[in-house]
């Protein structure tokens, strides 16, 4: 298993809407993530900077790296892009974070 962490960037004024959309996350997206062998996935918001921090456990890196090609995820990116800093392909700008400490 590999722990993966990254940061993304929320636009000002979209804090409540971001939460609302994730509270109603699509079942087909959660199924895709589970089928990709991702679990313990959390996203944290730094309300001062509007930086989002994602942390997840990945049990299959090949499946994880194929996620961007999945239509359900591409549809989710399209749904979320009005609220976040995105790349040209609509994916959220996501910067990997290096783990410096972990206590189990």
PDB file of N, CA and C in Angstrom:
ATOM      1  N   UNK A   1       0.839  -1.185   0.000  1.00  0.00           N
ATOM      2  CA  UNK A   1       0.000   0.000   0.000  1.00  0.00           C
ATOM      3  C   UNK A   1       0.882   1.245   0.000  1.00  0.00           C
ATOM      4  N   UNK A   2       0.470   2.244  -0.740  1.00  0.00           N
ATOM      5  CA  UNK A   2       1.176   3.518  -0.793  1.00  0.00           C
ATOM      6  C   UNK A   2       0.234   4.624  -0.336  1.00  0.00           C
ATOM      7  N   UNK A   3       0.732   5.468   0.558  1.00  0.00           N
ATOM      8  CA  UNK A   3      -0.036   6.644   0.971  1.00  0.00           C
ATOM      9  C   UNK A   3       0.303   7.771   0.012  1.00  0.00           C
ATOM     10  N   UNK A   4      -0.717   8.454  -0.472  1.00  0.00           N
ATOM     11  CA  UNK A   4      -0.537   9.535  -1.437  1.00  0.00           C
ATOM     12  C   UNK A   4      -1.181  10.790  -0.871  1.00  0.00           C
ATOM     13  N   UNK A   5      -0.464  11.897  -0.972  1.00  0.00           N
ATOM     14  CA  UNK A   5      -0.996  13.193  -0.529  1.00  0.00           C
ATOM     15  C   UNK A   5      -0.726  14.230  -1.615  1.00  0.00           C
ATOM     16  N   UNK A   6      -1.625  15.185  -1.719  1.00  0.00           N
ATOM     17  CA  UNK A   6      -1.502  16.215  -2.749  1.00  0.00           C
ATOM     18  C   UNK A   6      -2.277  17.443  -2.305  1.00  0.00           C
ATOM     19  N   UNK A   7      -1.988  18.562  -2.977  1.00  0.00           N
ATOM     20  CA  UNK A   7      -2.765  19.767  -2.694  1.00  0.00           C
ATOM     21  C   UNK A   7      -3.397  20.283  -3.977  1.00  0.00           C
ATOM     22  N   UNK A   8      -4.570  20.905  -3.804  1.00  0.00           N
ATOM     23  CA  UNK A   8      -5.327  21.517  -4.890  1.00  0.00           C
ATOM     24  C   UNK A   8      -5.746  22.906  -4.410  1.00  0.00           C
ATOM     25  N   UNK A   9      -6.356  23.670  -5.290  1.00  0.00           N
ATOM     26  CA  UNK A   9      -6.594  25.073  -4.983  1.00  0.00           C
ATOM     27  C   UNK A   9      -8.044  25.467  -5.278  1.00  0.00           C
ATOM     28  N   UNK A  10      -8.768  25.834  -4.232  1.00  0.00           N
ATOM     29  CA  UNK A  10     -10.169  26.222  -4.327  1.00  0.00           C
ATOM     30  C   UNK A  10     -10.274  27.726  -4.582  1.00  0.00           C
ATOM     31  N   UNK A  11     -11.219  28.121  -5.417  1.00  0.00           N
ATOM     32  CA  UNK A  11     -11.468  29.548  -5.648  1.00  0.00           C
ATOM     33  C   UNK A  11     -12.251  30.135  -4.466  1.00  0.00           C
ATOM     34  N   UNK A  12     -11.965  31.380  -4.152  1.00  0.00           N
ATOM     35  CA  UNK A  12     -12.629  32.081  -3.058  1.00  0.00           C
ATOM     36  C   UNK A  12     -14.145  32.110  -3.277  1.00  0.00           C
ATOM     37  N   UNK A  13     -14.866  31.864  -2.207  1.00  0.00           N
ATOM     38  CA  UNK A  13     -16.319  31.917  -2.240  1.00  0.00           C
ATOM     39  C   UNK A  13     -16.988  30.585  -2.550  1.00  0.00           C
ATOM     40  N   UNK A  14     -16.206  29.549  -2.809  1.00  0.00           N
ATOM     41  CA  UNK A  14     -16.772  28.245  -3.171  1.00  0.00           C
ATOM     42  C   UNK A  14     -16.638  27.200  -2.066  1.00  0.00           C
ATOM     43  N   UNK A  15     -16.287  27.622  -0.878  1.00  0.00           N
ATOM     44  CA  UNK A  15     -16.083  26.680   0.221  1.00  0.00           C
ATOM     45  C   UNK A  15     -17.331  25.846   0.495  1.00  0.00           C
ATOM     46  N   UNK A  16     -18.471  26.491   0.635  1.00  0.00           N
ATOM     47  CA  UNK A  16     -19.717  25.781   0.957  1.00  0.00           C
ATOM     48  C   UNK A  16     -20.166  24.897  -0.204  1.00  0.00           C
ATOM     49  N   UNK A  17     -20.039  25.383  -1.417  1.00  0.00           N
ATOM     50  CA  UNK A  17     -20.455  24.599  -2.577  1.00  0.00           C
ATOM     51  C   UNK A  17     -19.560  23.370  -2.764  1.00  0.00           C
ATOM     52  N   UNK A  18     -18.263  23.519  -2.526  1.00  0.00           N
ATOM     53  CA  UNK A  18     -17.343  22.378  -2.612  1.00  0.00           C
ATOM     54  C   UNK A  18     -17.759  21.297  -1.619  1.00  0.00           C
ATOM     55  N   UNK A  19     -18.054  21.725  -0.393  1.00  0.00           N
ATOM     56  CA  UNK A  19     -18.508  20.781   0.642  1.00  0.00           C
ATOM     57  C   UNK A  19     -19.820  20.114   0.216  1.00  0.00           C
ATOM     58  N   UNK A  20     -20.752  20.915  -0.285  1.00  0.00           N
ATOM     59  CA  UNK A  20     -22.065  20.399  -0.690  1.00  0.00           C
ATOM     60  C   UNK A  20     -21.934  19.334  -1.775  1.00  0.00           C
ATOM     61  N   UNK A  21     -21.104  19.598  -2.760  1.00  0.00           N
ATOM     62  CA  UNK A  21     -20.946  18.632  -3.853  1.00  0.00           C
ATOM     63  C   UNK A  21     -20.292  17.340  -3.369  1.00  0.00           C
ATOM     64  N   UNK A  22     -19.367  17.459  -2.438  1.00  0.00           N
ATOM     65  CA  UNK A  22     -18.742  16.239  -1.917  1.00  0.00           C
ATOM     66  C   UNK A  22     -19.666  15.496  -0.952  1.00  0.00           C
ATOM     67  N   UNK A  23     -20.536  16.207  -0.274  1.00  0.00           N
ATOM     68  CA  UNK A  23     -21.528  15.538   0.576  1.00  0.00           C
ATOM     69  C   UNK A  23     -22.478  14.686  -0.261  1.00  0.00           C
ATOM     70  N   UNK A  24     -22.644  15.068  -1.521  1.00  0.00           N
ATOM     71  CA  UNK A  24     -23.532  14.339  -2.435  1.00  0.00           C
ATOM     72  C   UNK A  24     -22.732  13.676  -3.558  1.00  0.00           C
ATOM     73  N   UNK A  25     -21.538  13.210  -3.233  1.00  0.00           N
ATOM     74  CA  UNK A  25     -20.666  12.604  -4.254  1.00  0.00           C
ATOM     75  C   UNK A  25     -21.394  11.480  -4.978  1.00  0.00           C
ATOM     76  N   UNK A  26     -21.159  11.380  -6.264  1.00  0.00           N
ATOM     77  CA  UNK A  26     -21.855  10.405  -7.090  1.00  0.00           C
ATOM     78  C   UNK A  26     -21.459   8.983  -6.702  1.00  0.00           C
ATOM     79  N   UNK A  27     -22.414   8.079  -6.581  1.00  0.00           N
ATOM     80  CA  UNK A  27     -22.089   6.678  -6.272  1.00  0.00           C
ATOM     81  C   UNK A  27     -21.152   6.053  -7.312  1.00  0.00           C
ATOM     82  N   UNK A  28     -21.329   6.423  -8.592  1.00  0.00           N
ATOM     83  CA  UNK A  28     -20.458   5.857  -9.619  1.00  0.00           C
ATOM     84  C   UNK A  28     -19.007   6.313  -9.447  1.00  0.00           C
ATOM     85  N   UNK A  29     -18.800   7.487  -8.854  1.00  0.00           N
ATOM     86  CA  UNK A  29     -17.437   7.936  -8.585  1.00  0.00           C
ATOM     87  C   UNK A  29     -16.849   7.188  -7.393  1.00  0.00           C
ATOM     88  N   UNK A  30     -17.606   7.040  -6.331  1.00  0.00           N
ATOM     89  CA  UNK A  30     -17.089   6.284  -5.184  1.00  0.00           C
ATOM     90  C   UNK A  30     -16.842   4.825  -5.568  1.00  0.00           C
ATOM     91  N   UNK A  31     -17.691   4.268  -6.412  1.00  0.00           N
ATOM     92  CA  UNK A  31     -17.462   2.899  -6.886  1.00  0.00           C
ATOM     93  C   UNK A  31     -16.177   2.808  -7.696  1.00  0.00           C
ATOM     94  N   UNK A  32     -15.936   3.791  -8.553  1.00  0.00           N
ATOM     95  CA  UNK A  32     -14.700   3.818  -9.335  1.00  0.00           C
ATOM     96  C   UNK A  32     -13.482   3.865  -8.417  1.00  0.00           C
ATOM     97  N   UNK A  33     -13.527   4.722  -7.409  1.00  0.00           N
ATOM     98  CA  UNK A  33     -12.393   4.839  -6.484  1.00  0.00           C
ATOM     99  C   UNK A  33     -12.170   3.526  -5.729  1.00  0.00           C
ATOM    100  N   UNK A  34     -13.240   2.905  -5.295  1.00  0.00           N
ATOM    101  CA  UNK A  34     -13.111   1.614  -4.601  1.00  0.00           C
ATOM    102  C   UNK A  34     -12.580   0.537  -5.542  1.00  0.00           C
ATOM    103  N   UNK A  35     -13.075   0.513  -6.784  1.00  0.00           N
ATOM    104  CA  UNK A  35     -12.603  -0.461  -7.770  1.00  0.00           C
ATOM    105  C   UNK A  35     -11.131  -0.229  -8.114  1.00  0.00           C
ATOM    106  N   UNK A  36     -10.672   0.996  -7.949  1.00  0.00           N
ATOM    107  CA  UNK A  36      -9.280   1.349  -8.196  1.00  0.00           C
ATOM    108  C   UNK A  36      -8.402   0.995  -6.995  1.00  0.00           C
ATOM    109  N   UNK A  37      -9.039   0.484  -5.946  1.00  0.00           N
ATOM    110  CA  UNK A  37      -8.360   0.062  -4.723  1.00  0.00           C
ATOM    111  C   UNK A  37      -7.792   1.251  -3.940  1.00  0.00           C
ATOM    112  N   UNK A  38      -8.598   2.309  -3.890  1.00  0.00           N
ATOM    113  CA  UNK A  38      -8.304   3.486  -3.077  1.00  0.00           C
ATOM    114  C   UNK A  38      -9.217   3.433  -1.856  1.00  0.00           C
ATOM    115  N   UNK A  39      -8.647   3.685  -0.692  1.00  0.00           N
ATOM    116  CA  UNK A  39      -9.477   3.806   0.502  1.00  0.00           C
ATOM    117  C   UNK A  39      -8.849   4.814   1.464  1.00  0.00           C
ATOM    118  N   UNK A  40      -9.532   5.045   2.551  1.00  0.00           N
ATOM    119  CA  UNK A  40      -9.110   6.063   3.529  1.00  0.00           C
ATOM    120  C   UNK A  40      -8.776   7.383   2.836  1.00  0.00           C
ATOM    121  N   UNK A  41      -9.671   7.840   1.966  1.00  0.00           N
ATOM    122  CA  UNK A  41      -9.471   9.061   1.181  1.00  0.00           C
ATOM    123  C   UNK A  41     -10.131  10.219   1.916  1.00  0.00           C
ATOM    124  N   UNK A  42      -9.339  11.234   2.213  1.00  0.00           N
ATOM    125  CA  UNK A  42      -9.844  12.446   2.865  1.00  0.00           C
ATOM    126  C   UNK A  42      -9.348  13.664   2.115  1.00  0.00           C
ATOM    127  N   UNK A  43     -10.147  14.715   2.149  1.00  0.00           N
ATOM    128  CA  UNK A  43      -9.723  16.016   1.636  1.00  0.00           C
ATOM    129  C   UNK A  43      -9.950  17.024   2.754  1.00  0.00           C
ATOM    130  N   UNK A  44      -8.918  17.794   3.056  1.00  0.00           N
ATOM    131  CA  UNK A  44      -8.966  18.814   4.098  1.00  0.00           C
ATOM    132  C   UNK A  44      -8.845  20.187   3.444  1.00  0.00           C
ATOM    133  N   UNK A  45      -9.533  21.169   4.008  1.00  0.00           N
ATOM    134  CA  UNK A  45      -9.486  22.544   3.513  1.00  0.00           C
ATOM    135  C   UNK A  45      -8.793  23.436   4.529  1.00  0.00           C
ATOM    136  N   UNK A  46      -7.774  24.155   4.068  1.00  0.00           N
ATOM    137  CA  UNK A  46      -7.183  25.224   4.875  1.00  0.00           C
ATOM    138  C   UNK A  46      -7.997  26.475   4.543  1.00  0.00           C
ATOM    139  N   UNK A  47      -8.871  26.866   5.449  1.00  0.00           N
ATOM    140  CA  UNK A  47      -9.803  27.965   5.177  1.00  0.00           C
ATOM    141  C   UNK A  47      -9.110  29.313   5.028  1.00  0.00           C
ATOM    142  N   UNK A  48      -7.914  29.437   5.549  1.00  0.00           N
ATOM    143  CA  UNK A  48      -7.171  30.697   5.419  1.00  0.00           C
ATOM    144  C   UNK A  48      -6.586  30.873   4.014  1.00  0.00           C
ATOM    145  N   UNK A  49      -6.073  29.784   3.436  1.00  0.00           N
ATOM    146  CA  UNK A  49      -5.413  29.868   2.127  1.00  0.00           C
ATOM    147  C   UNK A  49      -6.254  29.293   0.991  1.00  0.00           C
ATOM    148  N   UNK A  50      -7.319  28.562   1.314  1.00  0.00           N
ATOM    149  CA  UNK A  50      -8.179  27.857   0.365  1.00  0.00           C
ATOM    150  C   UNK A  50      -7.436  26.740  -0.369  1.00  0.00           C
ATOM    151  N   UNK A  51      -6.386  26.240   0.258  1.00  0.00           N
ATOM    152  CA  UNK A  51      -5.684  25.075  -0.276  1.00  0.00           C
ATOM    153  C   UNK A  51      -6.380  23.823   0.248  1.00  0.00           C
ATOM    154  N   UNK A  52      -6.646  22.901  -0.663  1.00  0.00           N
ATOM    155  CA  UNK A  52      -7.240  21.606  -0.333  1.00  0.00           C
ATOM    156  C   UNK A  52      -6.118  20.573  -0.266  1.00  0.00           C
ATOM    157  N   UNK A  53      -6.140  19.753   0.774  1.00  0.00           N
ATOM    158  CA  UNK A  53      -5.129  18.709   0.938  1.00  0.00           C
ATOM    159  C   UNK A  53      -5.820  17.352   0.878  1.00  0.00           C
ATOM    160  N   UNK A  54      -5.443  16.542  -0.087  1.00  0.00           N
ATOM    161  CA  UNK A  54      -5.986  15.203  -0.224  1.00  0.00           C
ATOM    162  C   UNK A  54      -4.985  14.184   0.295  1.00  0.00           C
ATOM    163  N   UNK A  55      -5.501  13.175   0.976  1.00  0.00           N
ATOM    164  CA  UNK A  55      -4.681  12.082   1.488  1.00  0.00           C
ATOM    165  C   UNK A  55      -5.459  10.787   1.244  1.00  0.00           C
ATOM    166  N   UNK A  56      -4.775   9.784   0.677  1.00  0.00           N
ATOM    167  CA  UNK A  56      -5.452   8.522   0.402  1.00  0.00           C
ATOM    168  C   UNK A  56      -4.476   7.362   0.487  1.00  0.00           C
ATOM    169  N   UNK A  57      -5.042   6.192   0.657  1.00  0.00           N
ATOM    170  CA  UNK A  57      -4.276   4.954   0.601  1.00  0.00           C
ATOM    171  C   UNK A  57      -4.538   4.300  -0.744  1.00  0.00           C
ATOM    172  N   UNK A  58      -3.461   3.980  -1.456  1.00  0.00           N
ATOM    173  CA  UNK A  58      -3.544   3.379  -2.778  1.00  0.00           C
ATOM    174  C   UNK A  58      -2.970   1.968  -2.703  1.00  0.00           C
ATOM    175  N   UNK A  59      -3.788   0.997  -3.086  1.00  0.00           N
ATOM    176  CA  UNK A  59      -3.362  -0.394  -3.039  1.00  0.00           C
ATOM    177  C   UNK A  59      -2.971  -0.928  -4.415  1.00  0.00           C
ATOM    178  N   UNK A  60      -3.163  -0.131  -5.465  1.00  0.00           N
ATOM    179  CA  UNK A  60      -2.820  -0.565  -6.816  1.00  0.00           C
ATOM    180  C   UNK A  60      -2.426   0.676  -7.623  1.00  0.00           C
ATOM    181  N   UNK A  61      -1.131   0.922  -7.709  1.00  0.00           N
ATOM    182  CA  UNK A  61      -0.656   2.148  -8.362  1.00  0.00           C
ATOM    183  C   UNK A  61      -0.955   2.186  -9.857  1.00  0.00           C
ATOM    184  N   UNK A  62      -0.996   1.040 -10.511  1.00  0.00           N
ATOM    185  CA  UNK A  62      -1.312   1.023 -11.945  1.00  0.00           C
ATOM    186  C   UNK A  62      -2.736   1.519 -12.162  1.00  0.00           C
ATOM    187  N   UNK A  63      -3.683   0.993 -11.389  1.00  0.00           N
ATOM    188  CA  UNK A  63      -5.072   1.455 -11.495  1.00  0.00           C
ATOM    189  C   UNK A  63      -5.177   2.936 -11.132  1.00  0.00           C
ATOM    190  N   UNK A  64      -4.447   3.353 -10.110  1.00  0.00           N
ATOM    191  CA  UNK A  64      -4.474   4.755  -9.681  1.00  0.00           C
ATOM    192  C   UNK A  64      -4.014   5.681 -10.815  1.00  0.00           C
ATOM    193  N   UNK A  65      -2.941   5.305 -11.486  1.00  0.00           N
ATOM    194  CA  UNK A  65      -2.413   6.149 -12.559  1.00  0.00           C
ATOM    195  C   UNK A  65      -3.294   6.130 -13.803  1.00  0.00           C
ATOM    196  N   UNK A  66      -4.218   5.179 -13.895  1.00  0.00           N
ATOM    197  CA  UNK A  66      -5.165   5.135 -15.011  1.00  0.00           C
ATOM    198  C   UNK A  66      -6.462   5.894 -14.718  1.00  0.00           C
ATOM    199  N   UNK A  67      -6.637   6.370 -13.503  1.00  0.00           N
ATOM    200  CA  UNK A  67      -7.857   7.109 -13.140  1.00  0.00           C
ATOM    201  C   UNK A  67      -8.165   8.286 -14.068  1.00  0.00           C
ATOM    202  N   UNK A  68      -7.189   9.099 -14.465  1.00  0.00           N
ATOM    203  CA  UNK A  68      -7.517  10.254 -15.308  1.00  0.00           C
ATOM    204  C   UNK A  68      -8.173   9.910 -16.639  1.00  0.00           C
ATOM    205  N   UNK A  69      -8.081   8.672 -17.072  1.00  0.00           N
ATOM    206  CA  UNK A  69      -8.651   8.256 -18.343  1.00  0.00           C
ATOM    207  C   UNK A  69     -10.073   7.711 -18.204  1.00  0.00           C
ATOM    208  N   UNK A  70     -10.590   7.679 -16.990  1.00  0.00           N
ATOM    209  CA  UNK A  70     -11.915   7.123 -16.729  1.00  0.00           C
ATOM    210  C   UNK A  70     -12.994   8.191 -16.970  1.00  0.00           C
ATOM    211  N   UNK A  71     -14.007   7.885 -17.786  1.00  0.00           N
ATOM    212  CA  UNK A  71     -15.053   8.866 -18.104  1.00  0.00           C
ATOM    213  C   UNK A  71     -15.755   9.454 -16.878  1.00  0.00           C
ATOM    214  N   UNK A  72     -15.981   8.651 -15.852  1.00  0.00           N
ATOM    215  CA  UNK A  72     -16.665   9.167 -14.651  1.00  0.00           C
ATOM    216  C   UNK A  72     -15.819  10.245 -13.986  1.00  0.00           C
ATOM    217  N   UNK A  73     -14.531  10.034 -13.906  1.00  0.00           N
ATOM    218  CA  UNK A  73     -13.661  11.039 -13.293  1.00  0.00           C
ATOM    219  C   UNK A  73     -13.582  12.293 -14.157  1.00  0.00           C
ATOM    220  N   UNK A  74     -13.520  12.128 -15.453  1.00  0.00           N
ATOM    221  CA  UNK A  74     -13.506  13.288 -16.354  1.00  0.00           C
ATOM    222  C   UNK A  74     -14.798  14.094 -16.223  1.00  0.00           C
ATOM    223  N   UNK A  75     -15.916  13.403 -16.071  1.00  0.00           N
ATOM    224  CA  UNK A  75     -17.213  14.080 -15.870  1.00  0.00           C
ATOM    225  C   UNK A  75     -17.209  14.844 -14.544  1.00  0.00           C
ATOM    226  N   UNK A  76     -16.626  14.242 -13.485  1.00  0.00           N
ATOM    227  CA  UNK A  76     -16.525  14.912 -12.178  1.00  0.00           C
ATOM    228  C   UNK A  76     -15.669  16.178 -12.288  1.00  0.00           C
ATOM    229  N   UNK A  77     -14.546  16.078 -12.984  1.00  0.00           N
ATOM    230  CA  UNK A  77     -13.679  17.253 -13.173  1.00  0.00           C
ATOM    231  C   UNK A  77     -14.452  18.383 -13.847  1.00  0.00           C
ATOM    232  N   UNK A  78     -15.240  18.034 -14.851  1.00  0.00           N
ATOM    233  CA  UNK A  78     -16.038  19.046 -15.555  1.00  0.00           C
ATOM    234  C   UNK A  78     -17.022  19.706 -14.592  1.00  0.00           C
ATOM    235  N   UNK A  79     -17.633  18.914 -13.726  1.00  0.00           N
ATOM    236  CA  UNK A  79     -18.595  19.381 -12.728  1.00  0.00           C
ATOM    237  C   UNK A  79     -17.942  20.297 -11.692  1.00  0.00           C
ATOM    238  N   UNK A  80     -16.685  20.040 -11.382  1.00  0.00           N
ATOM    239  CA  UNK A  80     -16.001  20.763 -10.308  1.00  0.00           C
ATOM    240  C   UNK A  80     -15.138  21.931 -10.786  1.00  0.00           C
ATOM    241  N   UNK A  81     -14.874  22.050 -12.089  1.00  0.00           N
ATOM    242  CA  UNK A  81     -13.865  22.997 -12.554  1.00  0.00           C
ATOM    243  C   UNK A  81     -14.210  24.466 -12.334  1.00  0.00           C
ATOM    244  N   UNK A  82     -15.470  24.798 -12.123  1.00  0.00           N
ATOM    245  CA  UNK A  82     -15.825  26.193 -11.869  1.00  0.00           C
ATOM    246  C   UNK A  82     -15.339  26.665 -10.498  1.00  0.00           C
ATOM    247  N   UNK A  83     -14.975  25.731  -9.636  1.00  0.00           N
ATOM    248  CA  UNK A  83     -14.623  26.077  -8.259  1.00  0.00           C
ATOM    249  C   UNK A  83     -13.129  25.984  -7.958  1.00  0.00           C
ATOM    250  N   UNK A  84     -12.353  25.464  -8.905  1.00  0.00           N
ATOM    251  CA  UNK A  84     -10.970  25.124  -8.606  1.00  0.00           C
ATOM    252  C   UNK A  84     -10.029  25.595  -9.705  1.00  0.00           C
ATOM    253  N   UNK A  85      -8.786  25.723  -9.347  1.00  0.00           N
ATOM    254  CA  UNK A  85      -7.743  25.957 -10.334  1.00  0.00           C
ATOM    255  C   UNK A  85      -7.563  24.649 -11.101  1.00  0.00           C
ATOM    256  N   UNK A  86      -7.636  24.710 -12.452  1.00  0.00           N
ATOM    257  CA  UNK A  86      -7.585  23.488 -13.252  1.00  0.00           C
ATOM    258  C   UNK A  86      -6.515  23.568 -14.341  1.00  0.00           C
ATOM    259  N   UNK A  87      -6.175  22.394 -14.847  1.00  0.00           N
ATOM    260  CA  UNK A  87      -5.281  22.264 -15.990  1.00  0.00           C
ATOM    261  C   UNK A  87      -6.089  22.389 -17.278  1.00  0.00           C
ATOM    262  N   UNK A  88      -5.396  22.425 -18.410  1.00  0.00           N
ATOM    263  CA  UNK A  88      -6.071  22.548 -19.707  1.00  0.00           C
ATOM    264  C   UNK A  88      -7.048  21.413 -19.975  1.00  0.00           C
ATOM    265  N   UNK A  89      -6.770  20.214 -19.456  1.00  0.00           N
ATOM    266  CA  UNK A  89      -7.659  19.066 -19.697  1.00  0.00           C
ATOM    267  C   UNK A  89      -8.836  19.014 -18.720  1.00  0.00           C
ATOM    268  N   UNK A  90      -8.967  20.027 -17.864  1.00  0.00           N
ATOM    269  CA  UNK A  90     -10.073  20.097 -16.914  1.00  0.00           C
ATOM    270  C   UNK A  90      -9.774  19.471 -15.567  1.00  0.00           C
ATOM    271  N   UNK A  91      -8.677  18.752 -15.458  1.00  0.00           N
ATOM    272  CA  UNK A  91      -8.306  18.148 -14.172  1.00  0.00           C
ATOM    273  C   UNK A  91      -7.877  19.239 -13.199  1.00  0.00           C
ATOM    274  N   UNK A  92      -8.096  19.034 -11.909  1.00  0.00           N
ATOM    275  CA  UNK A  92      -7.642  20.029 -10.948  1.00  0.00           C
ATOM    276  C   UNK A  92      -6.115  20.089 -10.913  1.00  0.00           C
ATOM    277  N   UNK A  93      -5.581  21.283 -10.770  1.00  0.00           N
ATOM    278  CA  UNK A  93      -4.144  21.390 -10.527  1.00  0.00           C
ATOM    279  C   UNK A  93      -3.893  20.664  -9.213  1.00  0.00           C
ATOM    280  N   UNK A  94      -3.025  19.682  -9.256  1.00  0.00           N
ATOM    281  CA  UNK A  94      -2.767  18.823  -8.104  1.00  0.00           C
ATOM    282  C   UNK A  94      -1.258  18.674  -7.952  1.00  0.00           C
ATOM    283  N   UNK A  95      -0.745  19.120  -6.829  1.00  0.00           N
ATOM    284  CA  UNK A  95       0.686  19.075  -6.581  1.00  0.00           C
ATOM    285  C   UNK A  95       0.970  18.008  -5.527  1.00  0.00           C
ATOM    286  N   UNK A  96       1.789  17.012  -5.889  1.00  0.00           N
ATOM    287  CA  UNK A  96       2.100  15.955  -4.919  1.00  0.00           C
ATOM    288  C   UNK A  96       2.823  16.513  -3.705  1.00  0.00           C
ATOM    289  N   UNK A  97       2.563  15.896  -2.564  1.00  0.00           N
ATOM    290  CA  UNK A  97       3.233  16.256  -1.315  1.00  0.00           C
ATOM    291  C   UNK A  97       4.086  15.082  -0.863  1.00  0.00           C
ATOM    292  N   UNK A  98       5.250  15.390  -0.339  1.00  0.00           N
ATOM    293  CA  UNK A  98       6.170  14.369   0.156  1.00  0.00           C
ATOM    294  C   UNK A  98       5.903  14.129   1.632  1.00  0.00           C
ATOM    295  N   UNK A  99       5.717  12.882   1.985  1.00  0.00           N
ATOM    296  CA  UNK A  99       5.492  12.541   3.388  1.00  0.00           C
ATOM    297  C   UNK A  99       6.809  12.666   4.151  1.00  0.00           C
ATOM    298  N   UNK A 100       6.750  13.387   5.279  1.00  0.00           N
ATOM    299  CA  UNK A 100       7.940  13.547   6.102  1.00  0.00           C
ATOM    300  C   UNK A 100       7.774  12.896   7.478  1.00  0.00           C
ATOM    301  N   UNK A 101       6.544  12.511   7.826  1.00  0.00           N
ATOM    302  CA  UNK A 101       6.302  11.833   9.093  1.00  0.00           C
ATOM    303  C   UNK A 101       4.991  11.084   9.000  1.00  0.00           C
ATOM    304  N   UNK A 102       4.984   9.884   9.588  1.00  0.00           N
ATOM    305  CA  UNK A 102       3.754   9.093   9.659  1.00  0.00           C
ATOM    306  C   UNK A 102       3.834   8.225  10.903  1.00  0.00           C
ATOM    307  N   UNK A 103       2.834   8.339  11.742  1.00  0.00           N
ATOM    308  CA  UNK A 103       2.740   7.510  12.933  1.00  0.00           C
ATOM    309  C   UNK A 103       1.489   6.673  12.815  1.00  0.00           C
ATOM    310  N   UNK A 104       1.646   5.392  12.816  1.00  0.00           N
ATOM    311  CA  UNK A 104       0.514   4.482  12.668  1.00  0.00           C
ATOM    312  C   UNK A 104       0.000   4.055  14.024  1.00  0.00           C
TER     313      UNK A 104
END
